[in-house]
Protein backbone atom coordinates (compact mmCIF):
# COMPACT_ATOMS: atom_id res chain seq x y z
CA MET A 1 59.99 11.93 -14.09
CA SER A 2 62.17 14.77 -12.77
CA THR A 3 62.39 18.52 -12.51
CA GLU A 4 65.61 20.49 -12.64
CA THR A 5 66.87 24.03 -12.47
CA THR A 6 68.97 25.78 -15.07
CA GLU A 7 72.66 25.06 -14.64
CA THR A 8 74.64 27.83 -12.92
CA PRO A 9 76.92 28.79 -14.58
CA ALA A 10 76.14 27.16 -17.92
CA THR A 11 78.53 24.47 -19.17
CA ASP A 12 79.40 22.74 -22.39
CA PRO A 13 77.26 19.60 -22.98
CA THR A 14 80.43 17.51 -23.06
CA THR A 15 81.45 18.54 -19.52
CA PRO A 16 81.76 15.45 -17.28
CA ARG A 17 79.21 15.23 -14.50
CA LEU A 18 78.93 14.03 -10.91
CA THR A 19 75.60 12.82 -9.52
CA VAL A 20 75.30 13.80 -5.85
CA GLY A 21 72.58 12.19 -3.76
CA TYR A 22 71.29 14.86 -1.39
CA LEU A 23 69.16 14.82 1.74
CA ALA A 24 68.88 17.72 4.17
CA THR A 25 71.11 15.98 6.73
CA PRO A 26 74.75 16.30 7.84
CA SER A 27 75.67 13.34 5.65
CA GLY A 28 74.03 15.10 2.69
CA ALA A 29 76.33 18.07 3.29
CA ASP A 30 79.33 15.70 3.51
CA GLY A 31 78.51 14.40 0.03
CA VAL A 32 78.21 17.89 -1.46
CA VAL A 33 81.59 19.00 -0.10
CA LEU A 34 83.25 15.82 -1.44
CA ALA A 35 81.66 16.47 -4.84
CA VAL A 36 83.11 20.00 -4.80
CA ALA A 37 86.56 18.59 -3.96
CA LEU A 38 86.29 16.17 -6.89
CA ALA A 39 84.97 18.88 -9.22
CA ARG A 40 87.83 21.16 -8.21
CA VAL A 41 90.43 18.72 -9.58
CA THR A 42 88.48 17.14 -12.45
CA GLY A 43 86.51 20.07 -13.86
CA ALA A 44 83.25 18.14 -13.55
CA ALA A 45 79.84 19.76 -13.17
CA ILE A 46 77.65 18.79 -10.23
CA ASP A 47 74.12 17.43 -10.39
CA LEU A 48 72.58 17.78 -6.94
CA VAL A 49 69.77 15.22 -6.88
CA CYS A 50 67.00 14.63 -4.35
CA VAL A 51 64.72 11.66 -5.01
CA VAL A 52 61.12 11.68 -3.78
CA ARG A 53 58.62 8.85 -3.96
CA PRO A 54 55.49 9.18 -6.10
CA VAL A 55 52.21 9.46 -4.25
CA PRO A 56 50.11 6.37 -5.12
CA TYR A 57 46.92 7.36 -6.90
CA ASP A 58 43.82 6.16 -5.07
CA GLY A 59 41.17 8.30 -6.68
CA ARG A 60 41.06 10.98 -4.01
CA PRO A 61 41.18 14.63 -5.15
CA GLY A 62 44.20 16.74 -4.32
CA LEU A 63 46.87 14.05 -4.73
CA ALA A 64 48.51 15.87 -7.64
CA GLN A 65 48.82 19.00 -5.52
CA TYR A 66 50.25 16.96 -2.64
CA GLN A 67 52.88 15.51 -4.98
CA GLN A 68 53.74 19.03 -6.09
CA ARG A 69 54.21 20.12 -2.46
CA ILE A 70 56.57 17.18 -1.84
CA GLU A 71 58.62 18.10 -4.88
CA ALA A 72 58.65 21.77 -3.86
CA GLN A 73 59.99 20.82 -0.42
CA ALA A 74 62.73 18.72 -2.08
CA ALA A 75 63.61 21.73 -4.26
CA ARG A 76 63.98 23.89 -1.14
CA TRP A 77 66.29 21.29 0.43
CA LEU A 78 68.36 21.26 -2.74
CA ALA A 79 68.69 25.03 -2.60
CA GLU A 80 70.14 24.64 0.91
CA GLY A 81 72.58 22.03 -0.36
CA ALA A 82 73.55 24.19 -3.33
CA ALA A 83 74.58 26.94 -0.91
CA LEU A 84 77.54 24.70 0.01
CA ILE A 85 78.85 24.87 -3.57
CA PRO A 86 81.33 27.76 -3.98
CA GLU A 87 80.79 30.36 -6.65
CA GLY A 88 82.13 29.39 -10.05
CA PHE A 89 81.44 25.66 -9.78
CA PRO A 90 78.79 24.64 -12.35
CA TYR A 91 75.84 22.80 -10.87
CA ARG A 92 72.16 22.13 -11.29
CA THR A 93 69.56 20.83 -8.86
CA VAL A 94 67.28 17.96 -9.80
CA VAL A 95 64.17 16.57 -8.12
CA ALA A 96 63.69 13.00 -9.33
CA VAL A 97 60.58 10.93 -8.68
CA ASN A 98 61.21 7.25 -8.08
CA ASP A 99 60.02 4.54 -5.71
CA SER A 100 63.66 4.01 -4.66
CA PHE A 101 66.17 6.73 -3.78
CA THR A 102 68.99 4.44 -4.91
CA ASP A 103 67.38 3.59 -8.25
CA GLY A 104 66.57 7.25 -8.81
CA LEU A 105 70.22 8.23 -8.33
CA ALA A 106 71.51 5.38 -10.50
CA SER A 107 69.02 6.13 -13.27
CA HIS A 108 70.02 9.80 -13.30
CA ALA A 109 73.73 8.91 -13.29
CA VAL A 110 73.32 6.55 -16.25
CA ALA A 111 71.09 8.96 -18.20
CA THR A 112 73.56 11.83 -17.80
CA GLU A 113 76.65 9.60 -18.20
CA SER A 114 77.91 10.75 -14.82
CA GLU A 115 81.42 9.68 -13.88
CA MET A 116 80.35 8.70 -10.38
CA ILE A 117 77.67 8.94 -7.72
CA VAL A 118 78.72 10.88 -4.62
CA VAL A 119 77.04 10.44 -1.22
CA GLY A 120 77.71 10.75 2.48
CA GLY A 121 77.22 7.92 4.95
CA THR A 122 75.23 8.38 8.13
CA GLY A 123 75.45 10.94 10.90
CA ASP A 124 75.83 8.51 13.79
CA GLY A 125 79.28 7.02 13.20
CA LEU A 126 82.72 8.07 14.39
CA LEU A 127 83.88 11.48 13.20
CA ARG A 128 86.16 11.26 10.13
CA ARG A 129 85.16 7.61 9.64
CA HIS A 130 82.75 5.83 7.32
CA THR A 131 79.41 4.41 8.39
CA LEU A 132 77.08 3.19 5.67
CA GLY A 133 73.43 4.16 5.79
CA THR A 134 70.59 2.54 3.87
CA ILE A 135 71.19 4.49 0.65
CA SER A 136 74.99 4.28 0.63
CA ASN A 137 74.86 0.58 1.51
CA GLU A 138 72.51 -0.14 -1.39
CA LEU A 139 74.69 1.88 -3.78
CA VAL A 140 77.92 0.06 -2.91
CA HIS A 141 76.19 -3.24 -3.65
CA SER A 142 74.43 -2.36 -6.89
CA SER A 143 75.55 0.85 -8.63
CA PRO A 144 76.47 0.68 -12.33
CA VAL A 145 78.90 3.61 -11.91
CA PRO A 146 81.65 4.27 -9.34
CA VAL A 147 80.40 5.39 -5.91
CA ALA A 148 82.32 8.04 -3.95
CA LEU A 149 81.71 7.98 -0.20
CA ALA A 150 82.42 10.90 2.12
CA PRO A 151 83.44 10.16 5.73
CA ARG A 152 81.39 11.66 8.53
CA GLY A 153 82.24 15.31 9.14
CA TYR A 154 83.72 15.92 5.67
CA ALA A 155 81.47 18.96 5.33
CA ASP A 156 83.74 20.74 7.83
CA ARG A 157 86.45 20.73 5.15
CA VAL A 158 84.81 23.21 2.79
CA ASP A 159 88.17 24.02 1.16
CA ALA A 160 89.33 20.41 0.81
CA VAL A 161 91.83 19.91 -2.01
CA LEU A 162 92.57 16.37 -3.13
CA ASP A 163 96.21 15.73 -4.02
CA MET A 164 96.70 11.94 -3.92
CA VAL A 165 94.70 8.87 -4.86
CA THR A 166 95.59 5.69 -2.99
CA VAL A 167 94.63 2.50 -4.81
CA ALA A 168 94.46 -0.91 -3.17
CA VAL A 169 96.30 -3.19 -5.61
CA PRO A 170 95.15 -6.81 -5.20
CA VAL A 171 97.76 -9.48 -4.53
CA LYS A 172 95.62 -12.48 -5.45
CA PRO A 173 95.37 -13.29 -9.18
CA GLY A 174 91.90 -12.81 -10.61
CA THR A 175 90.86 -10.23 -8.03
CA ASP A 176 89.17 -7.16 -9.51
CA ASN A 177 91.73 -4.39 -9.91
CA PRO A 178 90.76 -0.70 -9.52
CA LEU A 179 94.18 0.48 -10.76
CA PRO A 180 93.08 1.48 -14.31
CA PHE A 181 90.35 3.70 -12.84
CA ALA A 182 92.72 5.22 -10.28
CA GLU A 183 95.44 5.84 -12.87
CA LYS A 184 92.96 7.59 -15.17
CA LEU A 185 91.72 9.73 -12.27
CA ALA A 186 95.28 10.63 -11.25
CA GLU A 187 96.19 11.62 -14.82
CA ARG A 188 93.14 13.76 -15.38
CA ALA A 189 93.08 15.40 -11.94
CA GLU A 190 96.88 15.72 -11.72
CA LEU A 191 96.99 13.74 -8.47
CA ASP A 192 99.86 11.75 -7.05
CA LEU A 193 99.29 8.00 -7.09
CA ARG A 194 99.99 5.68 -4.18
CA LEU A 195 99.95 1.92 -4.77
CA LEU A 196 98.91 0.07 -1.65
CA SER A 197 99.17 -3.61 -0.77
CA LEU A 198 97.86 -5.12 2.46
CA VAL A 199 99.66 -8.08 4.02
CA SER A 200 98.47 -10.08 7.03
CA LEU A 201 98.29 -13.68 8.18
CA GLU A 202 94.96 -13.27 9.98
CA SER A 203 96.43 -15.69 12.54
CA PRO A 204 96.63 -15.37 16.35
CA PHE A 205 100.00 -17.14 16.44
CA ASP A 206 103.39 -15.42 16.46
CA ASP A 207 105.78 -18.29 15.98
CA ASP A 208 108.78 -18.39 13.69
CA SER A 209 106.86 -20.00 10.83
CA SER A 210 104.16 -17.30 10.79
CA ARG A 211 106.76 -14.52 10.98
CA ASP A 212 108.69 -16.10 8.10
CA ALA A 213 105.50 -16.43 6.09
CA ARG A 214 104.61 -12.78 6.63
CA THR A 215 108.13 -11.70 5.64
CA ALA A 216 107.75 -13.69 2.44
CA GLN A 217 104.35 -12.13 1.77
CA ILE A 218 105.75 -8.63 2.25
CA THR A 219 108.56 -9.37 -0.20
CA VAL A 220 106.11 -10.63 -2.82
CA ALA A 221 103.83 -7.63 -2.29
CA ARG A 222 106.69 -5.16 -2.70
CA GLU A 223 107.86 -6.88 -5.86
CA LEU A 224 104.32 -6.72 -7.24
CA LEU A 225 103.98 -3.02 -6.44
CA GLU A 226 107.36 -2.17 -7.97
CA LYS A 227 106.38 -4.07 -11.11
CA THR A 228 103.05 -2.26 -11.17
CA ARG A 229 104.74 1.11 -10.72
CA ALA A 230 106.92 0.41 -13.76
CA GLU A 231 103.79 -0.17 -15.85
CA VAL A 232 101.84 3.02 -15.01
CA ASN A 233 102.22 6.40 -16.67
CA SER A 234 105.81 7.52 -16.09
CA GLU A 235 104.67 11.14 -15.81
CA LEU A 236 102.77 10.39 -12.61
CA ASP A 237 104.35 10.78 -9.19
CA VAL A 238 103.92 7.22 -7.91
CA ASP A 239 104.64 5.88 -4.44
CA VAL A 240 104.33 2.32 -3.18
CA LEU A 241 103.40 1.17 0.30
CA VAL A 242 103.01 -2.25 1.91
CA ALA A 243 100.88 -2.12 5.06
CA ASP A 244 101.38 -5.24 7.15
CA GLY A 245 100.24 -6.60 10.47
CA ALA A 246 99.33 -9.82 12.21
CA THR A 247 95.74 -9.17 11.11
CA LEU A 248 94.23 -7.12 8.33
CA ASP A 249 92.76 -4.71 10.87
CA GLU A 250 96.21 -4.24 12.40
CA ALA A 251 97.69 -3.58 8.97
CA LEU A 252 95.00 -0.98 8.27
CA ALA A 253 95.43 0.62 11.69
CA ASN A 254 99.13 1.14 10.92
CA LEU A 255 98.41 2.82 7.61
CA PRO A 256 98.91 6.62 7.49
CA TRP A 257 96.27 8.76 5.78
CA ASP A 258 96.87 12.29 4.59
CA ALA A 259 94.18 14.94 4.92
CA ASN A 260 93.98 15.28 1.12
CA ASP A 261 93.84 11.58 0.20
CA ILE A 262 91.11 9.77 -1.67
CA VAL A 263 91.06 5.97 -1.90
CA ALA A 264 90.02 3.73 -4.81
CA ILE A 265 88.98 0.15 -4.06
CA GLY A 266 87.70 -2.60 -6.32
CA SER A 267 84.54 -4.65 -6.11
CA GLY A 268 84.29 -8.10 -4.57
CA HIS A 269 84.20 -11.34 -6.53
CA LEU A 270 80.52 -11.90 -5.68
CA GLY A 271 79.45 -8.81 -7.60
CA SER A 272 77.97 -8.76 -11.08
CA PRO A 273 80.07 -7.46 -14.00
CA ASN A 274 80.02 -3.67 -14.37
CA ARG A 275 78.37 -3.25 -10.98
CA VAL A 276 79.72 -2.04 -7.65
CA PHE A 277 79.87 -4.68 -4.92
CA LEU A 278 81.67 -3.96 -1.66
CA GLY A 279 83.69 -7.05 -0.72
CA SER A 280 84.91 -8.01 2.75
CA THR A 281 88.43 -6.57 2.40
CA ALA A 282 87.13 -3.35 0.85
CA ALA A 283 84.60 -3.04 3.67
CA ARG A 284 87.39 -3.22 6.22
CA ILE A 285 89.39 -0.56 4.38
CA LEU A 286 86.25 1.58 4.44
CA ARG A 287 85.91 1.07 8.18
CA TRP A 288 89.49 2.10 8.96
CA THR A 289 90.30 4.92 6.56
CA THR A 290 89.63 8.58 7.31
CA ALA A 291 89.79 9.48 3.61
CA PRO A 292 86.95 9.56 1.08
CA VAL A 293 86.59 6.26 -0.78
CA ILE A 294 85.60 5.45 -4.36
CA VAL A 295 84.24 1.95 -4.93
CA VAL A 296 84.83 0.95 -8.56
CA PRO A 297 82.46 -1.39 -10.44
CA LYS A 298 83.70 -4.87 -11.22
CA ASN A 299 85.67 -5.12 -14.50
CA ARG A 300 85.58 -1.32 -14.89
């Protein structure tokens, strides 16, 4: 069950859509501004969705009116969120009723064939960094569509323009690869593409053997990225980068992020097919990057 407003301005039914989970919080605003940045380069329309729980019926009078008041409050919150969407961007606001905010978002995204779900994290993490809240954490471990996560404070960048998608290309065979999704996004949104490989020994030692091993790993990673670059669309502006360090955290700390980046990462091996599941390496990328992140479902 859901209620929605008329889309403003009206769009063609075939227009791609973004489902944005909204709460009247700073992280809710972060998600809206990221959705606008994505819509700006992809031409997608925005569905601003607030999910409210149904009031359990216990026979008392007035419960239907109470439910209506809850939904009316959600509609007012959505109007506040919609004020962050610049004029000319098509959007509609939707109040969905579901026992779970996460399930309500996912159900709406599937029903409308949304390209991704967009949310913010929490308001208590480091500025420009990612901290997962209850809703975002559930989404990155269950969503059937890609999940775009805005770092804390992204709402300050109301005129954000994305110009490059960085994709973490796996080195290990059999690891889920988000490259096809990232390449498609780069083609459609006319973004530059950066192929990233992370190299580390995750070892406290710094002897000759470990240094030699890391040098060999870097060489293999660069060869893989160059081979991958030769296989993607030749019309794309493609860069390759190997980030290395004694540990994975050190490699990530050395990695430069541009203000207009967005990052695509794959799902972990423990996830179900066609579902998002944030693996350990992806979680560490999320912790270190200052850019928005899209977690791609397994086998997408």
